């Protein structure tokens, strides 16, 4: 089952996972905003609505219970989201056994789509929760220097050459930065809402074991193709060989 993506609801996957078996959960869940992508200039877009993206589609209490069960002690879960999403699920986080650790900012550098009558949003939030007291960060090489403590921010939007057909795809550099900081080689990384499998790609390149769940059959098929696309994966391998660098007060991976 490891080093694969499963075409199923994450709760079915949770049932297959043993207690204390996962080293990191890193995921971009549906935000409960009925997301639709109406405009596209990219012929590779699939134009599929995000499944489980109505406010009450996911049992968040059950999700955090299962996530806590399968994570090893001192390990972490990272969730992407907007502020309104975190406000909506905050009670479930507070009622869970997880400890809040920190926010992480993804600085996109340009305005995301949204209400044109207000400020354009240029960032996305990621929150880190831990099972017990979190273990120490790993040393990450930045500007060719080993860093015992790294900044909780990443600067760079998704580049056109790495886009693979998912409307909310996240940069592999960003996910690789988090995975490098929180796990070791051969650790197991799980993404319950895998999408186009950027988390799995990152884990694969960094020699971590990985597992993903994706309920949408279109994105599941896309992920299977992407995980075997050697030319595409080589983009990230070459970038990671050059390493992370400081940029505009943050960290980035040139790509």
C-alpha atoms as a PDB file:
ATOM      1  CA  UNK A   1       0.000   0.000   0.000  1.00  0.00           C
ATOM      2  CA  UNK A   2       2.908   2.374   0.622  1.00  0.00           C
ATOM      3  CA  UNK A   3       4.345   4.474  -2.215  1.00  0.00           C
ATOM      4  CA  UNK A   4       0.959   4.682  -3.899  1.00  0.00           C
ATOM      5  CA  UNK A   5      -2.231   6.693  -4.160  1.00  0.00           C
ATOM      6  CA  UNK A   6      -5.623   5.125  -3.428  1.00  0.00           C
ATOM      7  CA  UNK A   7      -8.851   6.124  -5.204  1.00  0.00           C
ATOM      8  CA  UNK A   8     -10.989   6.296  -2.083  1.00  0.00           C
ATOM      9  CA  UNK A   9     -12.232   8.491   0.741  1.00  0.00           C
ATOM     10  CA  UNK A  10      -9.520   9.110   3.339  1.00  0.00           C
ATOM     11  CA  UNK A  11     -11.648   7.513   6.066  1.00  0.00           C
ATOM     12  CA  UNK A  12     -11.422   4.190   4.207  1.00  0.00           C
ATOM     13  CA  UNK A  13      -7.652   4.596   4.092  1.00  0.00           C
ATOM     14  CA  UNK A  14      -7.513   5.480   7.788  1.00  0.00           C
ATOM     15  CA  UNK A  15      -9.205   2.139   8.517  1.00  0.00           C
ATOM     16  CA  UNK A  16      -6.252   0.363   6.877  1.00  0.00           C
ATOM     17  CA  UNK A  17      -3.588   2.244   8.836  1.00  0.00           C
ATOM     18  CA  UNK A  18      -2.214   0.994  12.124  1.00  0.00           C
ATOM     19  CA  UNK A  19      -1.942   3.125  15.244  1.00  0.00           C
ATOM     20  CA  UNK A  20       1.260   5.188  15.472  1.00  0.00           C
ATOM     21  CA  UNK A  21       2.358   4.348  11.926  1.00  0.00           C
ATOM     22  CA  UNK A  22       2.659   7.726  10.135  1.00  0.00           C
ATOM     23  CA  UNK A  23       5.492  10.268  10.472  1.00  0.00           C
ATOM     24  CA  UNK A  24       3.820  13.283   8.831  1.00  0.00           C
ATOM     25  CA  UNK A  25       0.398  14.223   7.512  1.00  0.00           C
ATOM     26  CA  UNK A  26       0.640  17.049   4.987  1.00  0.00           C
ATOM     27  CA  UNK A  27      -2.517  17.967   3.119  1.00  0.00           C
ATOM     28  CA  UNK A  28      -4.574  20.607   1.344  1.00  0.00           C
ATOM     29  CA  UNK A  29      -8.182  19.688   2.249  1.00  0.00           C
ATOM     30  CA  UNK A  30     -11.348  21.050   0.642  1.00  0.00           C
ATOM     31  CA  UNK A  31     -12.090  24.396   2.286  1.00  0.00           C
ATOM     32  CA  UNK A  32     -15.869  24.054   2.337  1.00  0.00           C
ATOM     33  CA  UNK A  33     -16.405  26.997  -0.048  1.00  0.00           C
ATOM     34  CA  UNK A  34     -18.019  25.169  -2.993  1.00  0.00           C
ATOM     35  CA  UNK A  35     -14.928  25.932  -5.090  1.00  0.00           C
ATOM     36  CA  UNK A  36     -15.438  26.213  -8.836  1.00  0.00           C
ATOM     37  CA  UNK A  37     -12.916  27.162 -11.513  1.00  0.00           C
ATOM     38  CA  UNK A  38     -14.714  29.034 -14.261  1.00  0.00           C
ATOM     39  CA  UNK A  39     -11.888  30.563 -16.296  1.00  0.00           C
ATOM     40  CA  UNK A  40      -8.867  28.844 -17.784  1.00  0.00           C
ATOM     41  CA  UNK A  41      -6.221  29.565 -20.400  1.00  0.00           C
ATOM     42  CA  UNK A  42      -4.525  26.226 -19.826  1.00  0.00           C
ATOM     43  CA  UNK A  43      -5.732  23.402 -22.056  1.00  0.00           C
ATOM     44  CA  UNK A  44      -4.629  20.789 -19.519  1.00  0.00           C
ATOM     45  CA  UNK A  45      -7.147  21.851 -16.862  1.00  0.00           C
ATOM     46  CA  UNK A  46      -9.736  19.199 -16.080  1.00  0.00           C
ATOM     47  CA  UNK A  47     -12.546  21.559 -14.979  1.00  0.00           C
ATOM     48  CA  UNK A  48     -13.803  19.372 -12.152  1.00  0.00           C
ATOM     49  CA  UNK A  49     -15.416  20.794  -9.057  1.00  0.00           C
ATOM     50  CA  UNK A  50     -13.612  19.893  -5.840  1.00  0.00           C
ATOM     51  CA  UNK A  51     -15.360  16.961  -4.176  1.00  0.00           C
ATOM     52  CA  UNK A  52     -16.354  17.206  -0.487  1.00  0.00           C
ATOM     53  CA  UNK A  53     -16.187  20.995  -0.766  1.00  0.00           C
ATOM     54  CA  UNK A  54     -19.507  21.921   0.789  1.00  0.00           C
ATOM     55  CA  UNK A  55     -19.194  23.115   4.415  1.00  0.00           C
ATOM     56  CA  UNK A  56     -20.605  19.954   6.023  1.00  0.00           C
ATOM     57  CA  UNK A  57     -19.149  17.322   3.677  1.00  0.00           C
ATOM     58  CA  UNK A  58     -16.341  16.200   5.983  1.00  0.00           C
ATOM     59  CA  UNK A  59     -16.597  14.809   9.507  1.00  0.00           C
ATOM     60  CA  UNK A  60     -13.821  16.944  10.959  1.00  0.00           C
ATOM     61  CA  UNK A  61     -14.167  15.543  14.458  1.00  0.00           C
ATOM     62  CA  UNK A  62     -13.638  12.045  13.083  1.00  0.00           C
ATOM     63  CA  UNK A  63     -10.842  13.242  10.837  1.00  0.00           C
ATOM     64  CA  UNK A  64      -8.767  14.677  13.681  1.00  0.00           C
ATOM     65  CA  UNK A  65      -9.450  11.610  15.795  1.00  0.00           C
ATOM     66  CA  UNK A  66      -8.149   9.308  13.074  1.00  0.00           C
ATOM     67  CA  UNK A  67      -5.212  11.563  12.218  1.00  0.00           C
ATOM     68  CA  UNK A  68      -4.156  11.595  15.858  1.00  0.00           C
ATOM     69  CA  UNK A  69      -4.466   7.814  16.083  1.00  0.00           C
ATOM     70  CA  UNK A  70      -2.273   7.015  13.081  1.00  0.00           C
ATOM     71  CA  UNK A  71       0.449   9.603  13.748  1.00  0.00           C
ATOM     72  CA  UNK A  72       3.453   8.605  15.820  1.00  0.00           C
ATOM     73  CA  UNK A  73       4.151  10.475  19.053  1.00  0.00           C
ATOM     74  CA  UNK A  74       5.737  13.931  18.594  1.00  0.00           C
ATOM     75  CA  UNK A  75       4.810  13.939  14.898  1.00  0.00           C
ATOM     76  CA  UNK A  76       2.801  16.629  13.109  1.00  0.00           C
ATOM     77  CA  UNK A  77      -0.063  17.322  10.771  1.00  0.00           C
ATOM     78  CA  UNK A  78       0.014  20.365   8.473  1.00  0.00           C
ATOM     79  CA  UNK A  79      -3.217  21.706   6.959  1.00  0.00           C
ATOM     80  CA  UNK A  80      -3.517  24.294   4.195  1.00  0.00           C
ATOM     81  CA  UNK A  81      -6.447  26.680   4.426  1.00  0.00           C
ATOM     82  CA  UNK A  82      -7.956  30.139   4.404  1.00  0.00           C
ATOM     83  CA  UNK A  83      -8.875  31.978   7.590  1.00  0.00           C
ATOM     84  CA  UNK A  84     -12.605  31.348   7.077  1.00  0.00           C
ATOM     85  CA  UNK A  85     -11.898  27.624   6.755  1.00  0.00           C
ATOM     86  CA  UNK A  86      -9.916  27.525   9.990  1.00  0.00           C
ATOM     87  CA  UNK A  87     -12.603  29.530  11.789  1.00  0.00           C
ATOM     88  CA  UNK A  88     -15.137  26.947  10.641  1.00  0.00           C
ATOM     89  CA  UNK A  89     -13.169  23.939  11.892  1.00  0.00           C
ATOM     90  CA  UNK A  90     -11.532  25.594  14.909  1.00  0.00           C
ATOM     91  CA  UNK A  91     -13.879  23.947  17.397  1.00  0.00           C
ATOM     92  CA  UNK A  92     -12.906  20.515  16.076  1.00  0.00           C
ATOM     93  CA  UNK A  93      -9.210  21.344  16.444  1.00  0.00           C
ATOM     94  CA  UNK A  94      -9.754  22.621  19.989  1.00  0.00           C
ATOM     95  CA  UNK A  95     -11.730  19.505  20.917  1.00  0.00           C
ATOM     96  CA  UNK A  96      -9.091  17.196  19.447  1.00  0.00           C
ATOM     97  CA  UNK A  97      -6.018  15.902  21.253  1.00  0.00           C
ATOM     98  CA  UNK A  98      -3.671  17.843  19.002  1.00  0.00           C
ATOM     99  CA  UNK A  99      -1.477  20.683  20.226  1.00  0.00           C
ATOM    100  CA  UNK A 100      -1.288  23.846  18.140  1.00  0.00           C
ATOM    101  CA  UNK A 101       2.357  24.513  17.192  1.00  0.00           C
ATOM    102  CA  UNK A 102       2.601  27.316  14.646  1.00  0.00           C
ATOM    103  CA  UNK A 103       1.351  28.966  11.473  1.00  0.00           C
ATOM    104  CA  UNK A 104       3.245  28.697   8.205  1.00  0.00           C
ATOM    105  CA  UNK A 105       2.791  31.257   5.437  1.00  0.00           C
ATOM    106  CA  UNK A 106       2.860  30.487   1.744  1.00  0.00           C
ATOM    107  CA  UNK A 107       3.650  33.847   0.127  1.00  0.00           C
ATOM    108  CA  UNK A 108       2.409  33.590  -3.431  1.00  0.00           C
ATOM    109  CA  UNK A 109       3.678  36.959  -4.589  1.00  0.00           C
ATOM    110  CA  UNK A 110       0.604  37.914  -6.574  1.00  0.00           C
ATOM    111  CA  UNK A 111      -3.097  38.323  -5.877  1.00  0.00           C
ATOM    112  CA  UNK A 112      -5.254  35.232  -5.781  1.00  0.00           C
ATOM    113  CA  UNK A 113      -8.694  35.289  -7.390  1.00  0.00           C
ATOM    114  CA  UNK A 114     -11.478  36.619  -5.212  1.00  0.00           C
ATOM    115  CA  UNK A 115     -13.641  39.628  -4.440  1.00  0.00           C
ATOM    116  CA  UNK A 116     -12.381  42.502  -6.613  1.00  0.00           C
ATOM    117  CA  UNK A 117     -13.874  45.069  -4.213  1.00  0.00           C
ATOM    118  CA  UNK A 118     -11.377  44.345  -1.428  1.00  0.00           C
ATOM    119  CA  UNK A 119      -7.626  43.821  -1.010  1.00  0.00           C
ATOM    120  CA  UNK A 120      -6.171  41.029  -3.122  1.00  0.00           C
ATOM    121  CA  UNK A 121      -4.879  38.153  -1.013  1.00  0.00           C
ATOM    122  CA  UNK A 122      -1.229  37.244  -1.648  1.00  0.00           C
ATOM    123  CA  UNK A 123      -0.751  34.472   0.886  1.00  0.00           C
ATOM    124  CA  UNK A 124      -2.180  31.217   2.172  1.00  0.00           C
ATOM    125  CA  UNK A 125      -2.032  29.850   5.704  1.00  0.00           C
ATOM    126  CA  UNK A 126      -0.804  26.440   6.796  1.00  0.00           C
ATOM    127  CA  UNK A 127      -1.218  25.404  10.427  1.00  0.00           C
ATOM    128  CA  UNK A 128       0.958  22.862  12.206  1.00  0.00           C
ATOM    129  CA  UNK A 129      -0.508  20.628  14.930  1.00  0.00           C
ATOM    130  CA  UNK A 130       1.456  18.056  16.899  1.00  0.00           C
ATOM    131  CA  UNK A 131       0.735  14.803  18.703  1.00  0.00           C
ATOM    132  CA  UNK A 132       2.259  15.652  22.052  1.00  0.00           C
ATOM    133  CA  UNK A 133       5.366  17.780  22.285  1.00  0.00           C
ATOM    134  CA  UNK A 134       6.804  18.193  18.759  1.00  0.00           C
ATOM    135  CA  UNK A 135      10.210  16.754  18.045  1.00  0.00           C
ATOM    136  CA  UNK A 136      13.107  18.927  16.894  1.00  0.00           C
ATOM    137  CA  UNK A 137      13.250  20.259  13.369  1.00  0.00           C
ATOM    138  CA  UNK A 138      15.685  18.668  10.962  1.00  0.00           C
ATOM    139  CA  UNK A 139      18.628  20.601   9.641  1.00  0.00           C
ATOM    140  CA  UNK A 140      17.749  22.089   6.244  1.00  0.00           C
ATOM    141  CA  UNK A 141      20.382  23.496   3.910  1.00  0.00           C
ATOM    142  CA  UNK A 142      19.572  27.069   2.857  1.00  0.00           C
ATOM    143  CA  UNK A 143      21.968  29.237   0.842  1.00  0.00           C
ATOM    144  CA  UNK A 144      24.374  26.273   1.023  1.00  0.00           C
ATOM    145  CA  UNK A 145      24.453  26.535   4.836  1.00  0.00           C
ATOM    146  CA  UNK A 146      22.917  24.089   7.324  1.00  0.00           C
ATOM    147  CA  UNK A 147      20.142  25.690   9.369  1.00  0.00           C
ATOM    148  CA  UNK A 148      19.041  24.199  12.700  1.00  0.00           C
ATOM    149  CA  UNK A 149      15.945  26.393  12.654  1.00  0.00           C
ATOM    150  CA  UNK A 150      14.177  27.455   9.461  1.00  0.00           C
ATOM    151  CA  UNK A 151      11.651  30.193   8.737  1.00  0.00           C
ATOM    152  CA  UNK A 152       7.987  29.187   8.674  1.00  0.00           C
ATOM    153  CA  UNK A 153       7.367  30.755   5.299  1.00  0.00           C
ATOM    154  CA  UNK A 154       7.884  29.983   1.633  1.00  0.00           C
ATOM    155  CA  UNK A 155       7.889  32.434  -1.274  1.00  0.00           C
ATOM    156  CA  UNK A 156       6.898  31.407  -4.806  1.00  0.00           C
ATOM    157  CA  UNK A 157       3.701  30.807  -6.702  1.00  0.00           C
ATOM    158  CA  UNK A 158       3.125  27.667  -8.712  1.00  0.00           C
ATOM    159  CA  UNK A 159       5.125  27.952 -11.925  1.00  0.00           C
ATOM    160  CA  UNK A 160       3.544  27.261 -15.319  1.00  0.00           C
ATOM    161  CA  UNK A 161       6.053  24.555 -16.144  1.00  0.00           C
ATOM    162  CA  UNK A 162       5.156  22.507 -13.057  1.00  0.00           C
ATOM    163  CA  UNK A 163       1.375  22.870 -13.356  1.00  0.00           C
ATOM    164  CA  UNK A 164      -0.244  19.466 -13.893  1.00  0.00           C
ATOM    165  CA  UNK A 165      -3.985  20.034 -14.146  1.00  0.00           C
ATOM    166  CA  UNK A 166      -5.391  20.568 -10.648  1.00  0.00           C
ATOM    167  CA  UNK A 167      -7.046  23.930  -9.841  1.00  0.00           C
ATOM    168  CA  UNK A 168      -5.573  24.179  -6.335  1.00  0.00           C
ATOM    169  CA  UNK A 169      -2.212  22.500  -6.990  1.00  0.00           C
ATOM    170  CA  UNK A 170       0.552  23.449  -4.522  1.00  0.00           C
ATOM    171  CA  UNK A 171       4.260  23.965  -5.378  1.00  0.00           C
ATOM    172  CA  UNK A 172       6.454  20.921  -4.825  1.00  0.00           C
ATOM    173  CA  UNK A 173       9.184  23.236  -3.508  1.00  0.00           C
ATOM    174  CA  UNK A 174       6.904  24.383  -0.693  1.00  0.00           C
ATOM    175  CA  UNK A 175       5.912  20.841   0.268  1.00  0.00           C
ATOM    176  CA  UNK A 176       9.507  19.628  -0.002  1.00  0.00           C
ATOM    177  CA  UNK A 177      10.598  22.376   2.380  1.00  0.00           C
ATOM    178  CA  UNK A 178       8.100  21.219   5.024  1.00  0.00           C
ATOM    179  CA  UNK A 179       8.872  17.526   4.499  1.00  0.00           C
ATOM    180  CA  UNK A 180      12.625  18.171   4.742  1.00  0.00           C
ATOM    181  CA  UNK A 181      12.129  19.992   8.035  1.00  0.00           C
ATOM    182  CA  UNK A 182       9.843  17.453   9.711  1.00  0.00           C
ATOM    183  CA  UNK A 183      10.929  14.000   8.503  1.00  0.00           C
ATOM    184  CA  UNK A 184      13.894  11.730   7.807  1.00  0.00           C
ATOM    185  CA  UNK A 185      14.697   9.452   4.872  1.00  0.00           C
ATOM    186  CA  UNK A 186      12.292   6.444   4.786  1.00  0.00           C
ATOM    187  CA  UNK A 187       9.741   8.138   7.049  1.00  0.00           C
ATOM    188  CA  UNK A 188       6.096   7.796   5.954  1.00  0.00           C
ATOM    189  CA  UNK A 189       4.227  10.859   4.655  1.00  0.00           C
ATOM    190  CA  UNK A 190       0.436  10.645   4.221  1.00  0.00           C
ATOM    191  CA  UNK A 191      -1.819  13.025   2.272  1.00  0.00           C
ATOM    192  CA  UNK A 192      -5.550  12.329   2.912  1.00  0.00           C
ATOM    193  CA  UNK A 193      -6.699  14.788   0.208  1.00  0.00           C
ATOM    194  CA  UNK A 194      -4.070  14.137  -2.404  1.00  0.00           C
ATOM    195  CA  UNK A 195      -5.396  16.064  -5.429  1.00  0.00           C
ATOM    196  CA  UNK A 196      -2.683  15.936  -8.094  1.00  0.00           C
ATOM    197  CA  UNK A 197      -0.262  14.390  -5.581  1.00  0.00           C
ATOM    198  CA  UNK A 198       2.238  17.215  -5.124  1.00  0.00           C
ATOM    199  CA  UNK A 199       2.847  15.970  -1.562  1.00  0.00           C
ATOM    200  CA  UNK A 200       3.556  12.474  -2.856  1.00  0.00           C
ATOM    201  CA  UNK A 201       5.893  13.796  -5.550  1.00  0.00           C
ATOM    202  CA  UNK A 202       7.801  15.739  -2.890  1.00  0.00           C
ATOM    203  CA  UNK A 203       8.083  12.722  -0.610  1.00  0.00           C
ATOM    204  CA  UNK A 204       9.202  10.504  -3.496  1.00  0.00           C
ATOM    205  CA  UNK A 205      11.990  12.866  -4.547  1.00  0.00           C
ATOM    206  CA  UNK A 206      13.177  13.194  -0.926  1.00  0.00           C
ATOM    207  CA  UNK A 207      13.294   9.399  -0.482  1.00  0.00           C
ATOM    208  CA  UNK A 208      10.413   9.253   1.966  1.00  0.00           C
ATOM    209  CA  UNK A 209       7.727   6.587   1.825  1.00  0.00           C
ATOM    210  CA  UNK A 210       4.351   8.026   0.873  1.00  0.00           C
ATOM    211  CA  UNK A 211       0.651   7.314   0.709  1.00  0.00           C
ATOM    212  CA  UNK A 212      -2.212   9.367  -0.673  1.00  0.00           C
ATOM    213  CA  UNK A 213      -6.005   9.196  -0.800  1.00  0.00           C
ATOM    214  CA  UNK A 214      -8.008  10.879  -3.572  1.00  0.00           C
ATOM    215  CA  UNK A 215     -11.759  10.418  -3.906  1.00  0.00           C
ATOM    216  CA  UNK A 216     -12.045  12.005  -7.376  1.00  0.00           C
ATOM    217  CA  UNK A 217     -11.328   9.420 -10.086  1.00  0.00           C
ATOM    218  CA  UNK A 218     -10.156  12.099 -12.553  1.00  0.00           C
ATOM    219  CA  UNK A 219      -7.491  13.457 -10.215  1.00  0.00           C
ATOM    220  CA  UNK A 220      -6.591   9.936  -9.119  1.00  0.00           C
ATOM    221  CA  UNK A 221      -5.812   9.057 -12.752  1.00  0.00           C
ATOM    222  CA  UNK A 222      -3.927  12.325 -13.169  1.00  0.00           C
ATOM    223  CA  UNK A 223      -1.834  11.504 -10.092  1.00  0.00           C
ATOM    224  CA  UNK A 224      -0.981   8.038 -11.351  1.00  0.00           C
ATOM    225  CA  UNK A 225       0.291   9.576 -14.573  1.00  0.00           C
ATOM    226  CA  UNK A 226       2.224  12.295 -12.756  1.00  0.00           C
ATOM    227  CA  UNK A 227       3.951   9.908 -10.345  1.00  0.00           C
ATOM    228  CA  UNK A 228       5.370   8.034 -13.344  1.00  0.00           C
ATOM    229  CA  UNK A 229       6.279  11.121 -15.397  1.00  0.00           C
ATOM    230  CA  UNK A 230      10.089  11.021 -15.222  1.00  0.00           C
ATOM    231  CA  UNK A 231      10.567  14.185 -17.268  1.00  0.00           C
ATOM    232  CA  UNK A 232       8.226  16.124 -14.983  1.00  0.00           C
ATOM    233  CA  UNK A 233       9.806  14.783 -11.790  1.00  0.00           C
ATOM    234  CA  UNK A 234      13.281  15.660 -13.078  1.00  0.00           C
ATOM    235  CA  UNK A 235      12.298  19.360 -12.870  1.00  0.00           C
ATOM    236  CA  UNK A 236      12.091  19.065  -9.105  1.00  0.00           C
ATOM    237  CA  UNK A 237      15.091  16.791  -8.727  1.00  0.00           C
ATOM    238  CA  UNK A 238      17.305  19.333 -10.487  1.00  0.00           C
ATOM    239  CA  UNK A 239      15.898  22.203  -8.422  1.00  0.00           C
ATOM    240  CA  UNK A 240      16.410  20.353  -5.132  1.00  0.00           C
ATOM    241  CA  UNK A 241      20.001  19.574  -6.087  1.00  0.00           C
ATOM    242  CA  UNK A 242      20.608  23.341  -6.195  1.00  0.00           C
ATOM    243  CA  UNK A 243      18.841  23.718  -2.840  1.00  0.00           C
ATOM    244  CA  UNK A 244      16.670  26.234  -1.028  1.00  0.00           C
ATOM    245  CA  UNK A 245      17.674  29.880  -0.979  1.00  0.00           C
ATOM    246  CA  UNK A 246      16.695  33.025   0.923  1.00  0.00           C
ATOM    247  CA  UNK A 247      14.450  35.372  -1.003  1.00  0.00           C
ATOM    248  CA  UNK A 248      12.684  38.575   0.029  1.00  0.00           C
ATOM    249  CA  UNK A 249      12.872  37.669   3.718  1.00  0.00           C
ATOM    250  CA  UNK A 250      11.576  34.163   3.117  1.00  0.00           C
ATOM    251  CA  UNK A 251      12.712  30.836   1.641  1.00  0.00           C
ATOM    252  CA  UNK A 252      12.215  29.576  -1.889  1.00  0.00           C
ATOM    253  CA  UNK A 253      13.302  26.855  -4.296  1.00  0.00           C
ATOM    254  CA  UNK A 254      14.342  28.257  -7.699  1.00  0.00           C
ATOM    255  CA  UNK A 255      12.321  26.480 -10.350  1.00  0.00           C
END
